[in-house]
C-alpha atoms as a PDB file:
ATOM      1  CA  MET A   1      97.881 112.956 168.769  1.00  0.00           C
ATOM      2  CA  ASN A   2      99.820 110.926 171.293  1.00  0.00           C
ATOM      3  CA  TYR A   3     100.714 107.232 169.675  1.00  0.00           C
ATOM      4  CA  LEU A   4     100.628 105.723 172.688  1.00  0.00           C
ATOM      5  CA  ARG A   5      97.054 105.842 172.572  1.00  0.00           C
ATOM      6  CA  LEU A   6      96.440 104.057 169.283  1.00  0.00           C
ATOM      7  CA  LEU A   7      97.393 100.953 171.326  1.00  0.00           C
ATOM      8  CA  LEU A   8      93.800 101.613 173.354  1.00  0.00           C
ATOM      9  CA  LEU A   9      91.982 101.099 169.734  1.00  0.00           C
ATOM     10  CA  PRO A  10      90.886  97.732 170.518  1.00  0.00           C
ATOM     11  CA  ILE A  11      89.320  99.051 173.503  1.00  0.00           C
ATOM     12  CA  SER A  12      88.103 102.014 171.816  1.00  0.00           C
ATOM     13  CA  ALA A  13      86.459  99.269 169.625  1.00  0.00           C
ATOM     14  CA  VAL A  14      84.646  97.585 172.029  1.00  0.00           C
ATOM     15  CA  TYR A  15      83.631 101.355 173.970  1.00  0.00           C
ATOM     16  CA  GLY A  16      82.247 102.121 170.227  1.00  0.00           C
ATOM     17  CA  LEU A  17      80.121  98.698 170.395  1.00  0.00           C
ATOM     18  CA  VAL A  18      78.588  99.546 173.504  1.00  0.00           C
ATOM     19  CA  VAL A  19      77.679 103.246 172.656  1.00  0.00           C
ATOM     20  CA  TRP A  20      76.370 102.043 169.131  1.00  0.00           C
ATOM     21  CA  LEU A  21      74.029  99.733 170.699  1.00  0.00           C
ATOM     22  CA  ARG A  22      72.832 102.100 173.533  1.00  0.00           C
ATOM     23  CA  ASN A  23      71.890 104.818 170.836  1.00  0.00           C
ATOM     24  CA  ARG A  24      70.155 102.185 169.026  1.00  0.00           C
ATOM     25  CA  LEU A  25      68.120 100.951 172.235  1.00  0.00           C
ATOM     26  CA  TYR A  26      66.977 104.620 172.372  1.00  0.00           C
ATOM     27  CA  ASP A  27      66.030 104.494 169.163  1.00  0.00           C
ATOM     28  CA  PHE A  28      63.972 101.622 169.076  1.00  0.00           C
ATOM     29  CA  GLY A  29      62.395 102.627 172.369  1.00  0.00           C
ATOM     30  CA  VAL A  30      63.644  99.524 174.036  1.00  0.00           C
ATOM     31  CA  PHE A  31      65.410 102.455 176.377  1.00  0.00           C
ATOM     32  CA  SER A  32      62.793 105.004 176.959  1.00  0.00           C
ATOM     33  CA  SER A  33      63.306 109.099 176.704  1.00  0.00           C
ATOM     34  CA  THR A  34      61.565 111.426 178.971  1.00  0.00           C
ATOM     35  CA  SER A  35      60.267 114.835 176.843  1.00  0.00           C
ATOM     36  CA  PHE A  36      58.397 117.820 178.587  1.00  0.00           C
ATOM     37  CA  ASP A  37      55.988 120.071 177.624  1.00  0.00           C
ATOM     38  CA  LEU A  38      57.960 123.272 177.809  1.00  0.00           C
ATOM     39  CA  PRO A  39      60.874 124.244 175.724  1.00  0.00           C
ATOM     40  CA  VAL A  40      64.127 122.314 176.367  1.00  0.00           C
ATOM     41  CA  ILE A  41      67.312 123.399 174.767  1.00  0.00           C
ATOM     42  CA  SER A  42      70.240 121.266 175.159  1.00  0.00           C
ATOM     43  CA  VAL A  43      73.988 122.457 174.501  1.00  0.00           C
ATOM     44  CA  GLY A  44      76.156 119.362 173.847  1.00  0.00           C
ATOM     45  CA  ASN A  45      79.275 117.926 172.134  1.00  0.00           C
ATOM     46  CA  LEU A  46      80.707 114.791 170.947  1.00  0.00           C
ATOM     47  CA  GLU A  47      84.170 115.202 172.452  1.00  0.00           C
ATOM     48  CA  VAL A  48      85.606 115.412 175.481  1.00  0.00           C
ATOM     49  CA  GLY A  49      85.669 119.337 176.712  1.00  0.00           C
ATOM     50  CA  GLY A  50      87.081 122.365 174.999  1.00  0.00           C
ATOM     51  CA  SER A  51      84.417 123.198 172.383  1.00  0.00           C
ATOM     52  CA  GLY A  52      83.239 126.045 173.879  1.00  0.00           C
ATOM     53  CA  LYS A  53      79.523 124.965 175.584  1.00  0.00           C
ATOM     54  CA  THR A  54      80.008 127.480 178.237  1.00  0.00           C
ATOM     55  CA  PRO A  55      80.029 130.695 176.138  1.00  0.00           C
ATOM     56  CA  LEU A  56      77.257 129.511 174.281  1.00  0.00           C
ATOM     57  CA  THR A  57      75.111 128.591 177.114  1.00  0.00           C
ATOM     58  CA  GLU A  58      75.581 132.295 178.158  1.00  0.00           C
ATOM     59  CA  TYR A  59      74.999 133.709 174.758  1.00  0.00           C
ATOM     60  CA  LEU A  60      71.699 131.797 174.872  1.00  0.00           C
ATOM     61  CA  ILE A  61      71.031 133.313 178.512  1.00  0.00           C
ATOM     62  CA  LYS A  62      71.053 136.762 177.239  1.00  0.00           C
ATOM     63  CA  LEU A  63      69.087 135.990 173.870  1.00  0.00           C
ATOM     64  CA  LEU A  64      66.484 134.468 176.227  1.00  0.00           C
ATOM     65  CA  SER A  65      66.554 136.816 178.448  1.00  0.00           C
ATOM     66  CA  GLY A  66      63.079 137.926 178.386  1.00  0.00           C
ATOM     67  CA  TYR A  67      61.906 134.630 179.860  1.00  0.00           C
ATOM     68  CA  ARG A  68      61.990 132.704 183.179  1.00  0.00           C
ATOM     69  CA  LEU A  69      64.537 130.347 182.319  1.00  0.00           C
ATOM     70  CA  ALA A  70      66.807 127.790 184.331  1.00  0.00           C
ATOM     71  CA  THR A  71      70.346 126.051 183.355  1.00  0.00           C
ATOM     72  CA  LEU A  72      70.650 122.630 184.397  1.00  0.00           C
ATOM     73  CA  SER A  73      73.945 120.497 184.289  1.00  0.00           C
ATOM     74  CA  ARG A  74      75.603 117.907 186.004  1.00  0.00           C
ATOM     75  CA  GLY A  75      77.893 120.343 187.610  1.00  0.00           C
ATOM     76  CA  TYR A  76      81.271 118.285 186.687  1.00  0.00           C
ATOM     77  CA  GLY A  77      83.801 117.956 189.744  1.00  0.00           C
ATOM     78  CA  ARG A  78      81.469 118.794 192.359  1.00  0.00           C
ATOM     79  CA  LYS A  79      81.684 117.231 196.106  1.00  0.00           C
ATOM     80  CA  THR A  80      77.837 117.501 196.223  1.00  0.00           C
ATOM     81  CA  LYS A  81      75.345 114.885 194.926  1.00  0.00           C
ATOM     82  CA  GLY A  82      71.667 114.849 193.691  1.00  0.00           C
ATOM     83  CA  PHE A  83      69.742 118.289 192.959  1.00  0.00           C
ATOM     84  CA  ARG A  84      70.892 121.592 194.058  1.00  0.00           C
ATOM     85  CA  TRP A  85      70.448 125.033 193.546  1.00  0.00           C
ATOM     86  CA  VAL A  86      73.631 127.025 192.457  1.00  0.00           C
ATOM     87  CA  LYS A  87      74.397 130.077 195.245  1.00  0.00           C
ATOM     88  CA  GLU A  88      76.186 132.967 193.990  1.00  0.00           C
ATOM     89  CA  HIS A  89      79.925 132.944 195.162  1.00  0.00           C
ATOM     90  CA  ASP A  90      79.649 129.426 195.770  1.00  0.00           C
ATOM     91  CA  ASP A  91      82.845 127.441 196.140  1.00  0.00           C
ATOM     92  CA  SER A  92      83.247 125.595 192.845  1.00  0.00           C
ATOM     93  CA  THR A  93      83.323 122.224 195.088  1.00  0.00           C
ATOM     94  CA  LEU A  94      79.653 122.659 195.794  1.00  0.00           C
ATOM     95  CA  SER A  95      78.383 122.904 192.042  1.00  0.00           C
ATOM     96  CA  GLY A  96      80.975 122.649 190.030  1.00  0.00           C
ATOM     97  CA  ASP A  97      82.952 125.307 188.139  1.00  0.00           C
ATOM     98  CA  GLU A  98      81.141 125.631 185.118  1.00  0.00           C
ATOM     99  CA  PRO A  99      77.994 126.199 187.148  1.00  0.00           C
ATOM    100  CA  ALA A 100      79.402 128.446 189.638  1.00  0.00           C
ATOM    101  CA  GLN A 101      80.746 130.788 186.760  1.00  0.00           C
ATOM    102  CA  ILE A 102      77.572 131.161 185.078  1.00  0.00           C
ATOM    103  CA  LYS A 103      75.424 132.060 188.663  1.00  0.00           C
ATOM    104  CA  ASN A 104      78.378 134.581 189.032  1.00  0.00           C
ATOM    105  CA  LYS A 105      77.785 136.321 185.981  1.00  0.00           C
ATOM    106  CA  PHE A 106      73.719 135.935 185.476  1.00  0.00           C
ATOM    107  CA  PRO A 107      72.789 136.133 189.410  1.00  0.00           C
ATOM    108  CA  ALA A 108      69.232 136.992 188.629  1.00  0.00           C
ATOM    109  CA  ILE A 109      68.755 133.340 186.900  1.00  0.00           C
ATOM    110  CA  ASP A 110      68.098 130.107 188.147  1.00  0.00           C
ATOM    111  CA  VAL A 111      71.284 127.670 188.004  1.00  0.00           C
ATOM    112  CA  SER A 112      71.192 123.993 189.257  1.00  0.00           C
ATOM    113  CA  VAL A 113      73.181 120.742 189.208  1.00  0.00           C
ATOM    114  CA  CYS A 114      72.167 117.323 189.209  1.00  0.00           C
ATOM    115  CA  GLU A 115      73.306 114.054 187.341  1.00  0.00           C
ATOM    116  CA  ASP A 116      69.605 112.712 186.864  1.00  0.00           C
ATOM    117  CA  ARG A 117      68.918 115.430 184.081  1.00  0.00           C
ATOM    118  CA  VAL A 118      65.342 114.035 184.237  1.00  0.00           C
ATOM    119  CA  ALA A 119      64.751 114.309 187.913  1.00  0.00           C
ATOM    120  CA  GLY A 120      66.170 117.942 187.690  1.00  0.00           C
ATOM    121  CA  VAL A 121      64.106 119.071 184.699  1.00  0.00           C
ATOM    122  CA  LYS A 122      60.683 117.703 187.200  1.00  0.00           C
ATOM    123  CA  GLN A 123      62.343 120.307 189.736  1.00  0.00           C
ATOM    124  CA  LEU A 124      62.396 122.995 187.488  1.00  0.00           C
ATOM    125  CA  GLN A 125      59.250 122.491 184.850  1.00  0.00           C
ATOM    126  CA  HIS A 126      56.714 124.325 187.124  1.00  0.00           C
ATOM    127  CA  ASN A 127      58.193 127.640 187.662  1.00  0.00           C
ATOM    128  CA  HIS A 128      60.005 127.971 184.663  1.00  0.00           C
ATOM    129  CA  ASP A 129      59.181 128.891 180.956  1.00  0.00           C
ATOM    130  CA  LEU A 130      62.272 126.989 179.617  1.00  0.00           C
ATOM    131  CA  ILE A 131      65.223 125.277 180.571  1.00  0.00           C
ATOM    132  CA  LEU A 132      69.095 125.141 179.301  1.00  0.00           C
ATOM    133  CA  LEU A 133      70.495 121.752 179.471  1.00  0.00           C
ATOM    134  CA  ASP A 134      74.242 122.374 179.450  1.00  0.00           C
ATOM    135  CA  ASP A 135      76.480 118.880 178.083  1.00  0.00           C
ATOM    136  CA  ALA A 136      73.508 116.956 178.107  1.00  0.00           C
ATOM    137  CA  TYR A 137      73.820 115.461 174.430  1.00  0.00           C
ATOM    138  CA  GLN A 138      74.545 111.599 175.515  1.00  0.00           C
ATOM    139  CA  HIS A 139      72.032 111.332 178.354  1.00  0.00           C
ATOM    140  CA  ARG A 140      69.143 109.931 175.948  1.00  0.00           C
ATOM    141  CA  ALA A 141      67.235 109.534 179.494  1.00  0.00           C
ATOM    142  CA  ILE A 142      65.989 112.972 178.276  1.00  0.00           C
ATOM    143  CA  LYS A 143      64.780 114.025 175.188  1.00  0.00           C
ATOM    144  CA  PRO A 144      65.219 117.683 174.799  1.00  0.00           C
ATOM    145  CA  GLY A 145      62.985 119.549 171.931  1.00  0.00           C
ATOM    146  CA  PHE A 146      66.161 121.432 170.573  1.00  0.00           C
ATOM    147  CA  ASN A 147      69.822 120.302 170.491  1.00  0.00           C
ATOM    148  CA  VAL A 148      72.904 122.426 169.591  1.00  0.00           C
ATOM    149  CA  LEU A 149      75.822 120.086 168.716  1.00  0.00           C
ATOM    150  CA  VAL A 150      79.237 122.272 168.875  1.00  0.00           C
ATOM    151  CA  PHE A 151      82.371 121.623 167.085  1.00  0.00           C
ATOM    152  CA  ASN A 152      85.769 122.996 167.682  1.00  0.00           C
ATOM    153  CA  TYR A 153      86.787 123.872 164.619  1.00  0.00           C
ATOM    154  CA  TYR A 154      90.561 123.143 165.295  1.00  0.00           C
ATOM    155  CA  ASN A 155      89.408 119.736 165.932  1.00  0.00           C
ATOM    156  CA  LEU A 156      87.713 118.898 162.647  1.00  0.00           C
ATOM    157  CA  ASN A 157      90.801 117.588 160.416  1.00  0.00           C
ATOM    158  CA  LYS A 158      91.619 115.681 163.587  1.00  0.00           C
ATOM    159  CA  LEU A 159      90.662 111.851 163.233  1.00  0.00           C
ATOM    160  CA  ARG A 160      87.753 110.436 165.122  1.00  0.00           C
ATOM    161  CA  PHE A 161      88.884 108.066 167.427  1.00  0.00           C
ATOM    162  CA  LEU A 162      86.636 107.096 170.496  1.00  0.00           C
ATOM    163  CA  LEU A 163      87.711 107.006 174.149  1.00  0.00           C
ATOM    164  CA  PRO A 164      90.164 106.144 175.183  1.00  0.00           C
ATOM    165  CA  ALA A 165      92.732 106.283 171.997  1.00  0.00           C
ATOM    166  CA  GLY A 166      90.933 109.308 170.869  1.00  0.00           C
ATOM    167  CA  ASN A 167      88.674 112.397 172.327  1.00  0.00           C
ATOM    168  CA  TYR A 168      85.428 111.560 170.897  1.00  0.00           C
ATOM    169  CA  ARG A 169      82.667 110.164 173.380  1.00  0.00           C
ATOM    170  CA  ASP A 170      80.015 109.265 170.948  1.00  0.00           C
ATOM    171  CA  LEU A 171      79.882 108.253 167.137  1.00  0.00           C
ATOM    172  CA  PHE A 172      80.421 110.841 164.391  1.00  0.00           C
ATOM    173  CA  VAL A 173      77.173 109.730 163.060  1.00  0.00           C
ATOM    174  CA  GLU A 174      74.846 110.640 166.007  1.00  0.00           C
ATOM    175  CA  ARG A 175      75.199 114.279 164.645  1.00  0.00           C
ATOM    176  CA  LYS A 176      72.317 113.413 163.045  1.00  0.00           C
ATOM    177  CA  ARG A 177      69.930 113.857 166.096  1.00  0.00           C
ATOM    178  CA  ALA A 178      71.225 117.900 166.466  1.00  0.00           C
ATOM    179  CA  ASP A 179      69.226 120.793 165.248  1.00  0.00           C
ATOM    180  CA  ILE A 180      71.914 123.070 164.482  1.00  0.00           C
ATOM    181  CA  LEU A 181      75.663 122.266 164.227  1.00  0.00           C
ATOM    182  CA  LEU A 182      77.647 124.737 165.662  1.00  0.00           C
ATOM    183  CA  ILE A 183      81.447 125.445 164.334  1.00  0.00           C
ATOM    184  CA  SER A 184      83.114 126.823 167.741  1.00  0.00           C
ATOM    185  CA  LYS A 185      86.426 128.645 167.439  1.00  0.00           C
ATOM    186  CA  CYS A 186      86.866 129.488 164.033  1.00  0.00           C
ATOM    187  CA  PRO A 187      89.185 132.373 162.887  1.00  0.00           C
ATOM    188  CA  GLN A 188      87.264 135.793 162.611  1.00  0.00           C
ATOM    189  CA  GLN A 189      88.307 135.802 158.561  1.00  0.00           C
ATOM    190  CA  LEU A 190      87.156 132.164 157.473  1.00  0.00           C
ATOM    191  CA  ASN A 191      86.476 132.500 153.886  1.00  0.00           C
ATOM    192  CA  THR A 192      83.247 131.043 152.017  1.00  0.00           C
ATOM    193  CA  THR A 193      85.653 128.148 150.359  1.00  0.00           C
ATOM    194  CA  ARG A 194      86.681 126.819 153.536  1.00  0.00           C
ATOM    195  CA  ARG A 195      82.937 127.297 155.379  1.00  0.00           C
ATOM    196  CA  ASP A 196      81.355 125.298 151.956  1.00  0.00           C
ATOM    197  CA  GLU A 197      84.207 122.556 152.795  1.00  0.00           C
ATOM    198  CA  ILE A 198      83.547 122.052 156.190  1.00  0.00           C
ATOM    199  CA  ILE A 199      79.771 121.924 155.332  1.00  0.00           C
ATOM    200  CA  ARG A 200      80.085 119.054 152.616  1.00  0.00           C
ATOM    201  CA  LYS A 201      82.216 117.174 155.644  1.00  0.00           C
ATOM    202  CA  MET A 202      79.551 117.697 158.179  1.00  0.00           C
ATOM    203  CA  LYS A 203      76.843 116.328 155.643  1.00  0.00           C
ATOM    204  CA  PRO A 204      74.218 118.278 157.416  1.00  0.00           C
ATOM    205  CA  LEU A 205      70.392 116.647 156.984  1.00  0.00           C
ATOM    206  CA  ASN A 206      68.120 118.745 155.264  1.00  0.00           C
ATOM    207  CA  ASN A 207      66.405 120.083 158.456  1.00  0.00           C
ATOM    208  CA  GLN A 208      69.934 120.802 159.816  1.00  0.00           C
ATOM    209  CA  LYS A 209      71.762 124.261 159.897  1.00  0.00           C
ATOM    210  CA  VAL A 210      75.510 125.111 160.197  1.00  0.00           C
ATOM    211  CA  VAL A 211      76.778 127.704 161.756  1.00  0.00           C
ATOM    212  CA  PHE A 212      79.649 129.472 162.505  1.00  0.00           C
ATOM    213  CA  SER A 213      81.284 131.356 165.623  1.00  0.00           C
ATOM    214  CA  SER A 214      84.577 132.869 167.152  1.00  0.00           C
ATOM    215  CA  ILE A 215      85.483 133.593 170.368  1.00  0.00           C
ATOM    216  CA  GLY A 216      85.613 137.065 171.422  1.00  0.00           C
ATOM    217  CA  TYR A 217      87.976 138.689 173.952  1.00  0.00           C
ATOM    218  CA  SER A 218      87.024 141.300 176.411  1.00  0.00           C
ATOM    219  CA  ASN A 219      88.374 144.729 176.151  1.00  0.00           C
ATOM    220  CA  ASP A 220      88.878 144.295 179.539  1.00  0.00           C
ATOM    221  CA  ILE A 221      90.561 141.798 182.092  1.00  0.00           C
ATOM    222  CA  LYS A 222      89.077 141.641 185.675  1.00  0.00           C
ATOM    223  CA  ASN A 223      90.614 141.083 189.095  1.00  0.00           C
ATOM    224  CA  ILE A 224      89.180 137.886 190.433  1.00  0.00           C
ATOM    225  CA  PHE A 225      88.859 138.882 194.156  1.00  0.00           C
ATOM    226  CA  ALA A 226      88.407 142.921 193.991  1.00  0.00           C
ATOM    227  CA  GLY A 227      86.801 142.795 190.681  1.00  0.00           C
ATOM    228  CA  GLN A 228      88.200 145.736 189.288  1.00  0.00           C
ATOM    229  CA  LEU A 229      88.666 145.979 185.570  1.00  0.00           C
ATOM    230  CA  LYS A 230      91.936 146.684 183.951  1.00  0.00           C
ATOM    231  CA  PRO A 231      92.001 147.598 180.161  1.00  0.00           C
ATOM    232  CA  VAL A 232      93.612 144.438 178.220  1.00  0.00           C
ATOM    233  CA  ASN A 233      95.619 146.883 176.547  1.00  0.00           C
ATOM    234  CA  THR A 234      97.775 147.711 179.721  1.00  0.00           C
ATOM    235  CA  ILE A 235      99.804 145.272 178.730  1.00  0.00           C
ATOM    236  CA  ASN A 236     102.535 145.423 176.592  1.00  0.00           C
ATOM    237  CA  LYS A 237     105.750 143.880 175.167  1.00  0.00           C
ATOM    238  CA  ASP A 238     107.463 144.502 179.015  1.00  0.00           C
ATOM    239  CA  THR A 239     104.322 142.766 180.388  1.00  0.00           C
ATOM    240  CA  HIS A 240     105.537 139.680 182.196  1.00  0.00           C
ATOM    241  CA  VAL A 241     102.284 137.014 182.149  1.00  0.00           C
ATOM    242  CA  LEU A 242     102.131 134.438 184.639  1.00  0.00           C
ATOM    243  CA  LEU A 243      99.328 132.279 182.868  1.00  0.00           C
ATOM    244  CA  ILE A 244      97.367 129.809 184.498  1.00  0.00           C
ATOM    245  CA  THR A 245      94.886 127.163 183.235  1.00  0.00           C
ATOM    246  CA  GLY A 246      93.147 124.279 184.068  1.00  0.00           C
ATOM    247  CA  ILE A 247      90.970 123.993 180.793  1.00  0.00           C
ATOM    248  CA  ALA A 248      91.073 121.408 177.796  1.00  0.00           C
ATOM    249  CA  ASN A 249      92.373 123.809 175.393  1.00  0.00           C
ATOM    250  CA  PRO A 250      94.093 126.892 176.536  1.00  0.00           C
ATOM    251  CA  LEU A 251      95.912 127.254 173.478  1.00  0.00           C
ATOM    252  CA  PRO A 252      93.646 130.245 172.010  1.00  0.00           C
ATOM    253  CA  LEU A 253      94.449 132.075 175.283  1.00  0.00           C
ATOM    254  CA  VAL A 254      97.844 132.099 175.011  1.00  0.00           C
ATOM    255  CA  ASN A 255      97.857 133.206 171.101  1.00  0.00           C
ATOM    256  CA  GLU A 256      95.710 136.473 172.687  1.00  0.00           C
ATOM    257  CA  ILE A 257      98.245 137.042 175.186  1.00  0.00           C
ATOM    258  CA  ARG A 258     100.878 136.596 172.436  1.00  0.00           C
ATOM    259  CA  LYS A 259      99.321 139.769 170.528  1.00  0.00           C
ATOM    260  CA  TYR A 260     100.468 141.967 173.841  1.00  0.00           C
ATOM    261  CA  THR A 261     103.522 140.104 175.078  1.00  0.00           C
ATOM    262  CA  ASP A 262     105.382 137.190 174.385  1.00  0.00           C
ATOM    263  CA  ASN A 263     106.950 137.176 178.018  1.00  0.00           C
ATOM    264  CA  ILE A 264     104.508 134.265 179.266  1.00  0.00           C
ATOM    265  CA  ILE A 265     104.947 131.849 181.781  1.00  0.00           C
ATOM    266  CA  HIS A 266     102.246 129.197 181.721  1.00  0.00           C
ATOM    267  CA  HIS A 267     101.218 126.931 184.613  1.00  0.00           C
ATOM    268  CA  PHE A 268      99.269 123.953 182.455  1.00  0.00           C
ATOM    269  CA  TYR A 269      96.668 121.791 184.305  1.00  0.00           C
ATOM    270  CA  PRO A 270      94.223 119.228 182.646  1.00  0.00           C
ATOM    271  CA  ASP A 271      90.454 120.635 182.049  1.00  0.00           C
ATOM    272  CA  HIS A 272      88.471 121.099 185.705  1.00  0.00           C
ATOM    273  CA  HIS A 273      91.529 120.526 187.526  1.00  0.00           C
ATOM    274  CA  LEU A 274      90.702 121.257 191.255  1.00  0.00           C
ATOM    275  CA  PHE A 275      93.677 123.390 192.175  1.00  0.00           C
ATOM    276  CA  SER A 276      95.633 122.869 195.296  1.00  0.00           C
ATOM    277  CA  THR A 277      97.586 124.205 198.227  1.00  0.00           C
ATOM    278  CA  LYS A 278     100.812 123.122 196.596  1.00  0.00           C
ATOM    279  CA  ASN A 279      99.452 124.468 193.388  1.00  0.00           C
ATOM    280  CA  MET A 280      99.276 127.716 194.921  1.00  0.00           C
ATOM    281  CA  LEU A 281     102.145 127.458 196.765  1.00  0.00           C
ATOM    282  CA  LYS A 282     103.879 127.047 193.360  1.00  0.00           C
ATOM    283  CA  LEU A 283     102.005 130.095 191.636  1.00  0.00           C
ATOM    284  CA  VAL A 284     103.119 132.310 194.509  1.00  0.00           C
ATOM    285  CA  GLU A 285     106.940 131.435 194.023  1.00  0.00           C
ATOM    286  CA  ALA A 286     106.891 131.514 190.358  1.00  0.00           C
ATOM    287  CA  PHE A 287     104.997 134.933 190.749  1.00  0.00           C
ATOM    288  CA  GLN A 288     107.564 135.814 193.273  1.00  0.00           C
ATOM    289  CA  ASP A 289     110.436 134.920 190.877  1.00  0.00           C
ATOM    290  CA  ILE A 290     109.456 137.152 187.920  1.00  0.00           C
ATOM    291  CA  GLU A 291     111.997 140.148 188.166  1.00  0.00           C
ATOM    292  CA  ALA A 292     110.382 142.512 186.417  1.00  0.00           C
ATOM    293  CA  THR A 293     107.938 145.051 187.982  1.00  0.00           C
ATOM    294  CA  ASP A 294     105.095 144.920 185.400  1.00  0.00           C
ATOM    295  CA  LYS A 295     103.667 141.757 186.024  1.00  0.00           C
ATOM    296  CA  VAL A 296     100.514 139.748 186.725  1.00  0.00           C
ATOM    297  CA  ILE A 297      98.761 136.462 186.758  1.00  0.00           C
ATOM    298  CA  ILE A 298      95.878 135.772 183.913  1.00  0.00           C
ATOM    299  CA  THR A 299      93.391 132.864 184.155  1.00  0.00           C
ATOM    300  CA  THR A 300      90.078 131.854 182.357  1.00  0.00           C
ATOM    301  CA  GLU A 301      86.668 132.680 183.925  1.00  0.00           C
ATOM    302  CA  LYS A 302      86.050 128.849 184.854  1.00  0.00           C
ATOM    303  CA  ASP A 303      89.488 128.556 186.189  1.00  0.00           C
ATOM    304  CA  ALA A 304      88.861 131.769 188.360  1.00  0.00           C
ATOM    305  CA  VAL A 305      86.155 129.871 189.917  1.00  0.00           C
ATOM    306  CA  ARG A 306      88.340 127.007 191.331  1.00  0.00           C
ATOM    307  CA  LEU A 307      90.955 129.280 192.375  1.00  0.00           C
ATOM    308  CA  ASN A 308      88.537 131.569 194.579  1.00  0.00           C
ATOM    309  CA  ILE A 309      87.547 128.886 196.653  1.00  0.00           C
ATOM    310  CA  THR A 310      88.423 129.571 200.135  1.00  0.00           C
ATOM    311  CA  GLU A 311      91.343 127.373 200.373  1.00  0.00           C
ATOM    312  CA  ASN A 312      92.904 128.699 197.458  1.00  0.00           C
ATOM    313  CA  ARG A 313      92.281 132.334 198.294  1.00  0.00           C
ATOM    314  CA  LYS A 314      93.822 132.828 201.366  1.00  0.00           C
ATOM    315  CA  HIS A 315      97.522 131.982 199.543  1.00  0.00           C
ATOM    316  CA  ILE A 316      96.914 134.033 196.489  1.00  0.00           C
ATOM    317  CA  TYR A 317      94.356 137.193 197.465  1.00  0.00           C
ATOM    318  CA  THR A 318      97.475 139.744 197.411  1.00  0.00           C
ATOM    319  CA  LEU A 319      98.312 139.042 193.963  1.00  0.00           C
ATOM    320  CA  PRO A 320      96.946 140.634 191.022  1.00  0.00           C
ATOM    321  CA  VAL A 321      95.092 137.631 189.541  1.00  0.00           C
ATOM    322  CA  TYR A 322      92.793 138.885 186.523  1.00  0.00           C
ATOM    323  CA  GLN A 323      90.350 136.454 184.467  1.00  0.00           C
ATOM    324  CA  TRP A 324      89.690 137.447 180.787  1.00  0.00           C
ATOM    325  CA  PRO A 325      86.066 137.035 180.059  1.00  0.00           C
ATOM    326  CA  ILE A 326      85.216 135.794 176.511  1.00  0.00           C
ATOM    327  CA  GLU A 327      81.880 135.521 174.497  1.00  0.00           C
ATOM    328  CA  ILE A 328      80.934 133.972 171.583  1.00  0.00           C
ATOM    329  CA  VAL A 329      80.958 135.893 168.149  1.00  0.00           C
ATOM    330  CA  PHE A 330      78.851 134.052 165.306  1.00  0.00           C
ATOM    331  CA  LEU A 331      80.394 134.940 161.862  1.00  0.00           C
ATOM    332  CA  ASP A 332      78.713 137.019 159.105  1.00  0.00           C
ATOM    333  CA  LYS A 333      75.179 136.614 158.905  1.00  0.00           C
ATOM    334  CA  ASP A 334      74.837 133.239 161.295  1.00  0.00           C
ATOM    335  CA  LYS A 335      74.022 135.064 163.999  1.00  0.00           C
ATOM    336  CA  SER A 336      70.836 135.818 162.619  1.00  0.00           C
ATOM    337  CA  VAL A 337      70.233 132.228 161.240  1.00  0.00           C
ATOM    338  CA  PHE A 338      71.149 131.117 165.149  1.00  0.00           C
ATOM    339  CA  ASP A 339      68.888 133.488 166.925  1.00  0.00           C
ATOM    340  CA  GLN A 340      65.883 133.002 164.353  1.00  0.00           C
ATOM    341  CA  GLU A 341      66.236 128.980 164.972  1.00  0.00           C
ATOM    342  CA  ILE A 342      66.407 129.388 168.445  1.00  0.00           C
ATOM    343  CA  LEU A 343      63.575 131.721 169.201  1.00  0.00           C
ATOM    344  CA  ASN A 344      61.245 130.189 166.696  1.00  0.00           C
ATOM    345  CA  TYR A 345      61.642 126.924 168.550  1.00  0.00           C
ATOM    346  CA  VAL A 346      60.998 128.502 172.041  1.00  0.00           C
ATOM    347  CA  ILE A 347      57.813 130.481 170.536  1.00  0.00           C
ATOM    348  CA  SER A 348      56.352 127.408 168.689  1.00  0.00           C
ATOM    349  CA  ASN A 349      56.647 125.272 171.852  1.00  0.00           C
ATOM    350  CA  LYS A 350      55.622 127.778 174.437  1.00  0.00           C
ATOM    351  CA  ARG A 351      53.417 127.056 177.678  1.00  0.00           C
ATOM    352  CA  SER A 352      50.313 129.669 177.190  1.00  0.00           C
ATOM    353  CA  ASP A 353      50.088 129.789 180.722  1.00  0.00           C
ATOM    354  CA  ARG A 354      54.030 129.966 181.394  1.00  0.00           C
ATOM    355  CA  ILE A 355      55.387 132.200 178.430  1.00  0.00           C
ATOM    356  CA  HIS A 356      54.190 135.547 177.442  1.00  0.00           C
END
């Protein structure tokens, strides 16, 4: 942690008091929460970014593919306002990078954005069987029927300071509102002792399940412009990788690339960074300066959406820019536990005139 941020602890204390008071006002019914008569599943976290909510949302889309579902998110970083349907191959400036990513991967489903979650669900409820809310845990004005709260494994032992001194935007005690506590980005070989230790620290309520997952990397990387696939094992110790990221925590991707090559030049930007022409020209120059003939540009799926907007594409479309798809992988028997909890909720809350 940056120790200079500790100077901001007094502000964090005030922020924490405001957050605590706001949650209590919702708990006591002073502020109202709107619920709906169809299954609404929220995927959220307590920290700012980097927990793995988007891969989880994509997993849920595949798990619930037999239903007419829609996803709804705020559309962080977009330049539009209000409710909007996300279209395939939209510039991310219109909808945000994560909704655009989801629509490109699942063009058959309805993806929408709206900063007012209640208004958004009202737009969706009559033509869909269920709705997935992305990053809505702090939006107490809406009351989902089921909450999945995601925690990054590598942040579990860090101090839980609130913004701006730390990265928590909500109090740790608020985990009590979740139905499932999902520990993401775990090492694939997580022993029972460590699992039990984490569960004790999370102190789940009797009705809460704690499940563990890791990130699985695809065997192929995909050209973000032409779409062709390239086996990742074509990257070797002689390959030079120019890595460009604008995500909260690129370290897992860096470590994955190091399994193949140590020749990595990393252009690192903040989460949701809107790449500029200057960034693109710097990328082109850096790629041209690599003297090796075996060289490639790698980025994440989320970054690929922002790199592929019109203003950026014209500068880099001739370069070998590849995204590396990821997916959530549950550990041990946790997949069955997670799937069953989700399906039980959806089935028991279905609308007979909608879900079949």
